[in-house]
C-alpha atoms as a PDB file:
ATOM      1  CA  UNK A   1      -7.187 200.778  64.463  1.00  0.00           C
ATOM      2  CA  UNK A   2      -4.912 201.358  67.430  1.00  0.00           C
ATOM      3  CA  UNK A   3      -3.759 199.093  70.214  1.00  0.00           C
ATOM      4  CA  UNK A   4      -1.498 198.773  73.190  1.00  0.00           C
ATOM      5  CA  UNK A   5       1.607 196.600  73.299  1.00  0.00           C
ATOM      6  CA  UNK A   6       3.077 197.041  76.786  1.00  0.00           C
ATOM      7  CA  UNK A   7       4.926 194.531  78.968  1.00  0.00           C
ATOM      8  CA  UNK A   8       6.163 195.046  82.523  1.00  0.00           C
ATOM      9  CA  UNK A   9       8.028 192.205  84.224  1.00  0.00           C
ATOM     10  CA  UNK A  10      10.053 191.714  87.387  1.00  0.00           C
ATOM     11  CA  UNK A  11      12.195 188.615  87.391  1.00  0.00           C
ATOM     12  CA  UNK A  12      15.610 187.065  87.857  1.00  0.00           C
ATOM     13  CA  UNK A  13      18.108 186.318  85.096  1.00  0.00           C
ATOM     14  CA  UNK A  14      18.507 182.636  84.290  1.00  0.00           C
ATOM     15  CA  UNK A  15      22.061 183.100  82.985  1.00  0.00           C
ATOM     16  CA  UNK A  16      24.550 185.877  82.312  1.00  0.00           C
ATOM     17  CA  UNK A  17      23.559 188.340  79.567  1.00  0.00           C
ATOM     18  CA  UNK A  18      25.090 187.909  76.116  1.00  0.00           C
ATOM     19  CA  UNK A  19      26.119 190.961  74.130  1.00  0.00           C
ATOM     20  CA  UNK A  20      26.860 191.174  70.410  1.00  0.00           C
ATOM     21  CA  UNK A  21      27.103 193.980  67.886  1.00  0.00           C
ATOM     22  CA  UNK A  22      25.091 194.524  64.710  1.00  0.00           C
ATOM     23  CA  UNK A  23      26.706 195.262  61.360  1.00  0.00           C
ATOM     24  CA  UNK A  24      26.431 199.003  62.104  1.00  0.00           C
ATOM     25  CA  UNK A  25      28.063 198.426  65.536  1.00  0.00           C
ATOM     26  CA  UNK A  26      24.868 198.771  67.611  1.00  0.00           C
ATOM     27  CA  UNK A  27      25.133 196.803  70.876  1.00  0.00           C
ATOM     28  CA  UNK A  28      22.452 194.118  71.303  1.00  0.00           C
ATOM     29  CA  UNK A  29      22.103 192.285  74.607  1.00  0.00           C
ATOM     30  CA  UNK A  30      20.002 189.136  75.118  1.00  0.00           C
ATOM     31  CA  UNK A  31      19.033 187.477  78.380  1.00  0.00           C
ATOM     32  CA  UNK A  32      16.104 185.592  79.825  1.00  0.00           C
ATOM     33  CA  UNK A  33      14.271 186.191  83.083  1.00  0.00           C
ATOM     34  CA  UNK A  34      12.050 183.961  85.167  1.00  0.00           C
ATOM     35  CA  UNK A  35       8.818 185.146  86.729  1.00  0.00           C
ATOM     36  CA  UNK A  36       7.012 182.957  89.235  1.00  0.00           C
ATOM     37  CA  UNK A  37       3.615 182.769  90.846  1.00  0.00           C
ATOM     38  CA  UNK A  38       2.031 180.440  93.348  1.00  0.00           C
ATOM     39  CA  UNK A  39      -0.901 178.428  92.031  1.00  0.00           C
ATOM     40  CA  UNK A  40      -3.250 176.477  94.276  1.00  0.00           C
ATOM     41  CA  UNK A  41      -3.585 172.805  93.317  1.00  0.00           C
ATOM     42  CA  UNK A  42      -6.048 171.097  95.616  1.00  0.00           C
ATOM     43  CA  UNK A  43      -4.892 171.694  99.179  1.00  0.00           C
ATOM     44  CA  UNK A  44      -1.340 172.638  98.196  1.00  0.00           C
ATOM     45  CA  UNK A  45       0.353 175.503  96.422  1.00  0.00           C
ATOM     46  CA  UNK A  46       2.728 174.950  93.524  1.00  0.00           C
ATOM     47  CA  UNK A  47       5.116 177.458  92.050  1.00  0.00           C
ATOM     48  CA  UNK A  48       4.641 178.107  88.336  1.00  0.00           C
ATOM     49  CA  UNK A  49       7.591 179.678  86.514  1.00  0.00           C
ATOM     50  CA  UNK A  50       7.485 181.410  83.133  1.00  0.00           C
ATOM     51  CA  UNK A  51      10.591 182.292  81.112  1.00  0.00           C
ATOM     52  CA  UNK A  52      10.809 185.471  79.021  1.00  0.00           C
ATOM     53  CA  UNK A  53      13.387 186.357  76.348  1.00  0.00           C
ATOM     54  CA  UNK A  54      14.580 189.949  76.677  1.00  0.00           C
ATOM     55  CA  UNK A  55      16.339 191.998  73.960  1.00  0.00           C
ATOM     56  CA  UNK A  56      18.029 195.321  74.759  1.00  0.00           C
ATOM     57  CA  UNK A  57      19.712 197.772  72.354  1.00  0.00           C
ATOM     58  CA  UNK A  58      22.248 200.628  72.510  1.00  0.00           C
ATOM     59  CA  UNK A  59      23.931 201.897  75.676  1.00  0.00           C
ATOM     60  CA  UNK A  60      21.212 200.149  77.639  1.00  0.00           C
ATOM     61  CA  UNK A  61      22.515 196.835  76.224  1.00  0.00           C
ATOM     62  CA  UNK A  62      26.067 197.637  77.301  1.00  0.00           C
ATOM     63  CA  UNK A  63      24.893 198.558  80.809  1.00  0.00           C
ATOM     64  CA  UNK A  64      22.871 195.339  81.063  1.00  0.00           C
ATOM     65  CA  UNK A  65      25.878 193.223  80.051  1.00  0.00           C
ATOM     66  CA  UNK A  66      28.096 195.115  82.494  1.00  0.00           C
ATOM     67  CA  UNK A  67      25.882 195.170  85.600  1.00  0.00           C
ATOM     68  CA  UNK A  68      23.561 192.157  85.310  1.00  0.00           C
ATOM     69  CA  UNK A  69      24.476 188.534  85.933  1.00  0.00           C
ATOM     70  CA  UNK A  70      22.743 185.220  86.530  1.00  0.00           C
ATOM     71  CA  UNK A  71      20.319 185.664  89.427  1.00  0.00           C
ATOM     72  CA  UNK A  72      20.097 189.481  89.159  1.00  0.00           C
ATOM     73  CA  UNK A  73      16.666 190.945  89.881  1.00  0.00           C
ATOM     74  CA  UNK A  74      15.489 193.310  87.144  1.00  0.00           C
ATOM     75  CA  UNK A  75      12.355 195.249  86.188  1.00  0.00           C
ATOM     76  CA  UNK A  76      11.779 195.264  82.408  1.00  0.00           C
ATOM     77  CA  UNK A  77       9.436 197.705  80.702  1.00  0.00           C
ATOM     78  CA  UNK A  78       8.910 197.120  76.991  1.00  0.00           C
ATOM     79  CA  UNK A  79       6.820 195.547  74.264  1.00  0.00           C
ATOM     80  CA  UNK A  80       6.341 192.023  72.954  1.00  0.00           C
ATOM     81  CA  UNK A  81       7.463 191.128  69.450  1.00  0.00           C
ATOM     82  CA  UNK A  82       7.357 187.876  67.488  1.00  0.00           C
ATOM     83  CA  UNK A  83      10.119 186.711  65.191  1.00  0.00           C
ATOM     84  CA  UNK A  84      10.138 183.780  62.758  1.00  0.00           C
ATOM     85  CA  UNK A  85      13.241 181.824  61.765  1.00  0.00           C
ATOM     86  CA  UNK A  86      14.261 178.429  60.375  1.00  0.00           C
ATOM     87  CA  UNK A  87      15.936 175.973  62.729  1.00  0.00           C
ATOM     88  CA  UNK A  88      18.857 173.734  61.747  1.00  0.00           C
ATOM     89  CA  UNK A  89      16.416 171.099  60.405  1.00  0.00           C
ATOM     90  CA  UNK A  90      14.690 173.635  58.156  1.00  0.00           C
ATOM     91  CA  UNK A  91      11.552 173.881  60.310  1.00  0.00           C
ATOM     92  CA  UNK A  92       9.965 177.303  60.693  1.00  0.00           C
ATOM     93  CA  UNK A  93       9.925 178.471  64.314  1.00  0.00           C
ATOM     94  CA  UNK A  94       8.359 181.506  65.961  1.00  0.00           C
ATOM     95  CA  UNK A  95       9.692 183.067  69.152  1.00  0.00           C
ATOM     96  CA  UNK A  96       8.239 185.846  71.250  1.00  0.00           C
ATOM     97  CA  UNK A  97      10.663 188.365  72.733  1.00  0.00           C
ATOM     98  CA  UNK A  98      10.343 191.382  74.970  1.00  0.00           C
ATOM     99  CA  UNK A  99      12.010 194.430  73.420  1.00  0.00           C
ATOM    100  CA  UNK A 100      13.052 196.467  76.460  1.00  0.00           C
ATOM    101  CA  UNK A 101      12.449 200.215  76.498  1.00  0.00           C
ATOM    102  CA  UNK A 102      13.823 200.568  80.028  1.00  0.00           C
ATOM    103  CA  UNK A 103      15.458 198.454  82.718  1.00  0.00           C
ATOM    104  CA  UNK A 104      15.603 198.942  86.480  1.00  0.00           C
ATOM    105  CA  UNK A 105      18.330 197.008  88.263  1.00  0.00           C
ATOM    106  CA  UNK A 106      16.641 195.956  91.515  1.00  0.00           C
ATOM    107  CA  UNK A 107      19.496 194.235  93.326  1.00  0.00           C
ATOM    108  CA  UNK A 108      20.908 196.036  96.364  1.00  0.00           C
ATOM    109  CA  UNK A 109      23.812 198.355  95.591  1.00  0.00           C
ATOM    110  CA  UNK A 110      26.460 196.039  97.050  1.00  0.00           C
ATOM    111  CA  UNK A 111      25.431 193.259  94.626  1.00  0.00           C
ATOM    112  CA  UNK A 112      26.176 195.456  91.600  1.00  0.00           C
ATOM    113  CA  UNK A 113      29.891 196.148  92.091  1.00  0.00           C
ATOM    114  CA  UNK A 114      29.117 199.140  94.327  1.00  0.00           C
ATOM    115  CA  UNK A 115      27.299 200.989  91.544  1.00  0.00           C
ATOM    116  CA  UNK A 116      24.242 203.111  92.414  1.00  0.00           C
ATOM    117  CA  UNK A 117      20.814 201.848  91.475  1.00  0.00           C
ATOM    118  CA  UNK A 118      19.872 203.263  88.084  1.00  0.00           C
ATOM    119  CA  UNK A 119      17.123 203.180  85.508  1.00  0.00           C
ATOM    120  CA  UNK A 120      18.081 203.126  81.847  1.00  0.00           C
ATOM    121  CA  UNK A 121      15.497 204.653  79.536  1.00  0.00           C
ATOM    122  CA  UNK A 122      15.642 203.998  75.793  1.00  0.00           C
ATOM    123  CA  UNK A 123      15.926 207.206  73.760  1.00  0.00           C
ATOM    124  CA  UNK A 124      13.651 206.724  70.716  1.00  0.00           C
ATOM    125  CA  UNK A 125      15.743 209.035  68.495  1.00  0.00           C
ATOM    126  CA  UNK A 126      19.131 207.373  68.651  1.00  0.00           C
ATOM    127  CA  UNK A 127      18.575 204.072  70.485  1.00  0.00           C
ATOM    128  CA  UNK A 128      20.890 205.070  73.333  1.00  0.00           C
ATOM    129  CA  UNK A 129      19.979 204.857  76.974  1.00  0.00           C
ATOM    130  CA  UNK A 130      20.250 207.739  79.408  1.00  0.00           C
ATOM    131  CA  UNK A 131      20.688 206.883  83.105  1.00  0.00           C
ATOM    132  CA  UNK A 132      18.112 208.225  85.504  1.00  0.00           C
ATOM    133  CA  UNK A 133      18.345 208.025  89.280  1.00  0.00           C
ATOM    134  CA  UNK A 134      15.807 205.750  90.841  1.00  0.00           C
ATOM    135  CA  UNK A 135      15.073 204.032  94.087  1.00  0.00           C
ATOM    136  CA  UNK A 136      14.531 200.339  93.736  1.00  0.00           C
ATOM    137  CA  UNK A 137      11.530 198.991  95.627  1.00  0.00           C
ATOM    138  CA  UNK A 138      12.200 196.487  98.391  1.00  0.00           C
ATOM    139  CA  UNK A 139      10.603 193.061  98.130  1.00  0.00           C
ATOM    140  CA  UNK A 140       9.750 190.697 100.974  1.00  0.00           C
ATOM    141  CA  UNK A 141      11.119 187.704  99.072  1.00  0.00           C
ATOM    142  CA  UNK A 142      14.541 189.051  98.017  1.00  0.00           C
ATOM    143  CA  UNK A 143      16.280 186.249  99.883  1.00  0.00           C
ATOM    144  CA  UNK A 144      14.135 183.438  98.441  1.00  0.00           C
ATOM    145  CA  UNK A 145      15.872 180.739  96.484  1.00  0.00           C
ATOM    146  CA  UNK A 146      16.124 181.210  92.749  1.00  0.00           C
ATOM    147  CA  UNK A 147      13.780 179.029  90.653  1.00  0.00           C
ATOM    148  CA  UNK A 148      16.641 177.791  88.455  1.00  0.00           C
END
């Protein structure tokens, strides 16, 4: 039996990315992004926000920690994965995370320390990311207030 596990999200970071290193010195970067949609409730529209945990590995993780910050707009392409752990009270918890295969930094160039817009694609062989030139799409709501 085969299936498809594919996630594509565009959202804004809720806080600065956090980077750490595994025991074999692989960079791992974690951050969360918010996606929003307008939902009609009666005669009015309400904004519904969902939060997504993102995990990035290798050079891609280092680039994310270097160029992204709270409020940054990012396109994430990856897969969803569940993970179970025990909290401090001994209760079993399950979290769902997006394991990023590639990231597109969608903020204008001047918001990213003058760096060009780039896409970072995960290399399946060694876990490193190779930069690829890319043009970020323009969005009508880039100047909207952040939902957090």
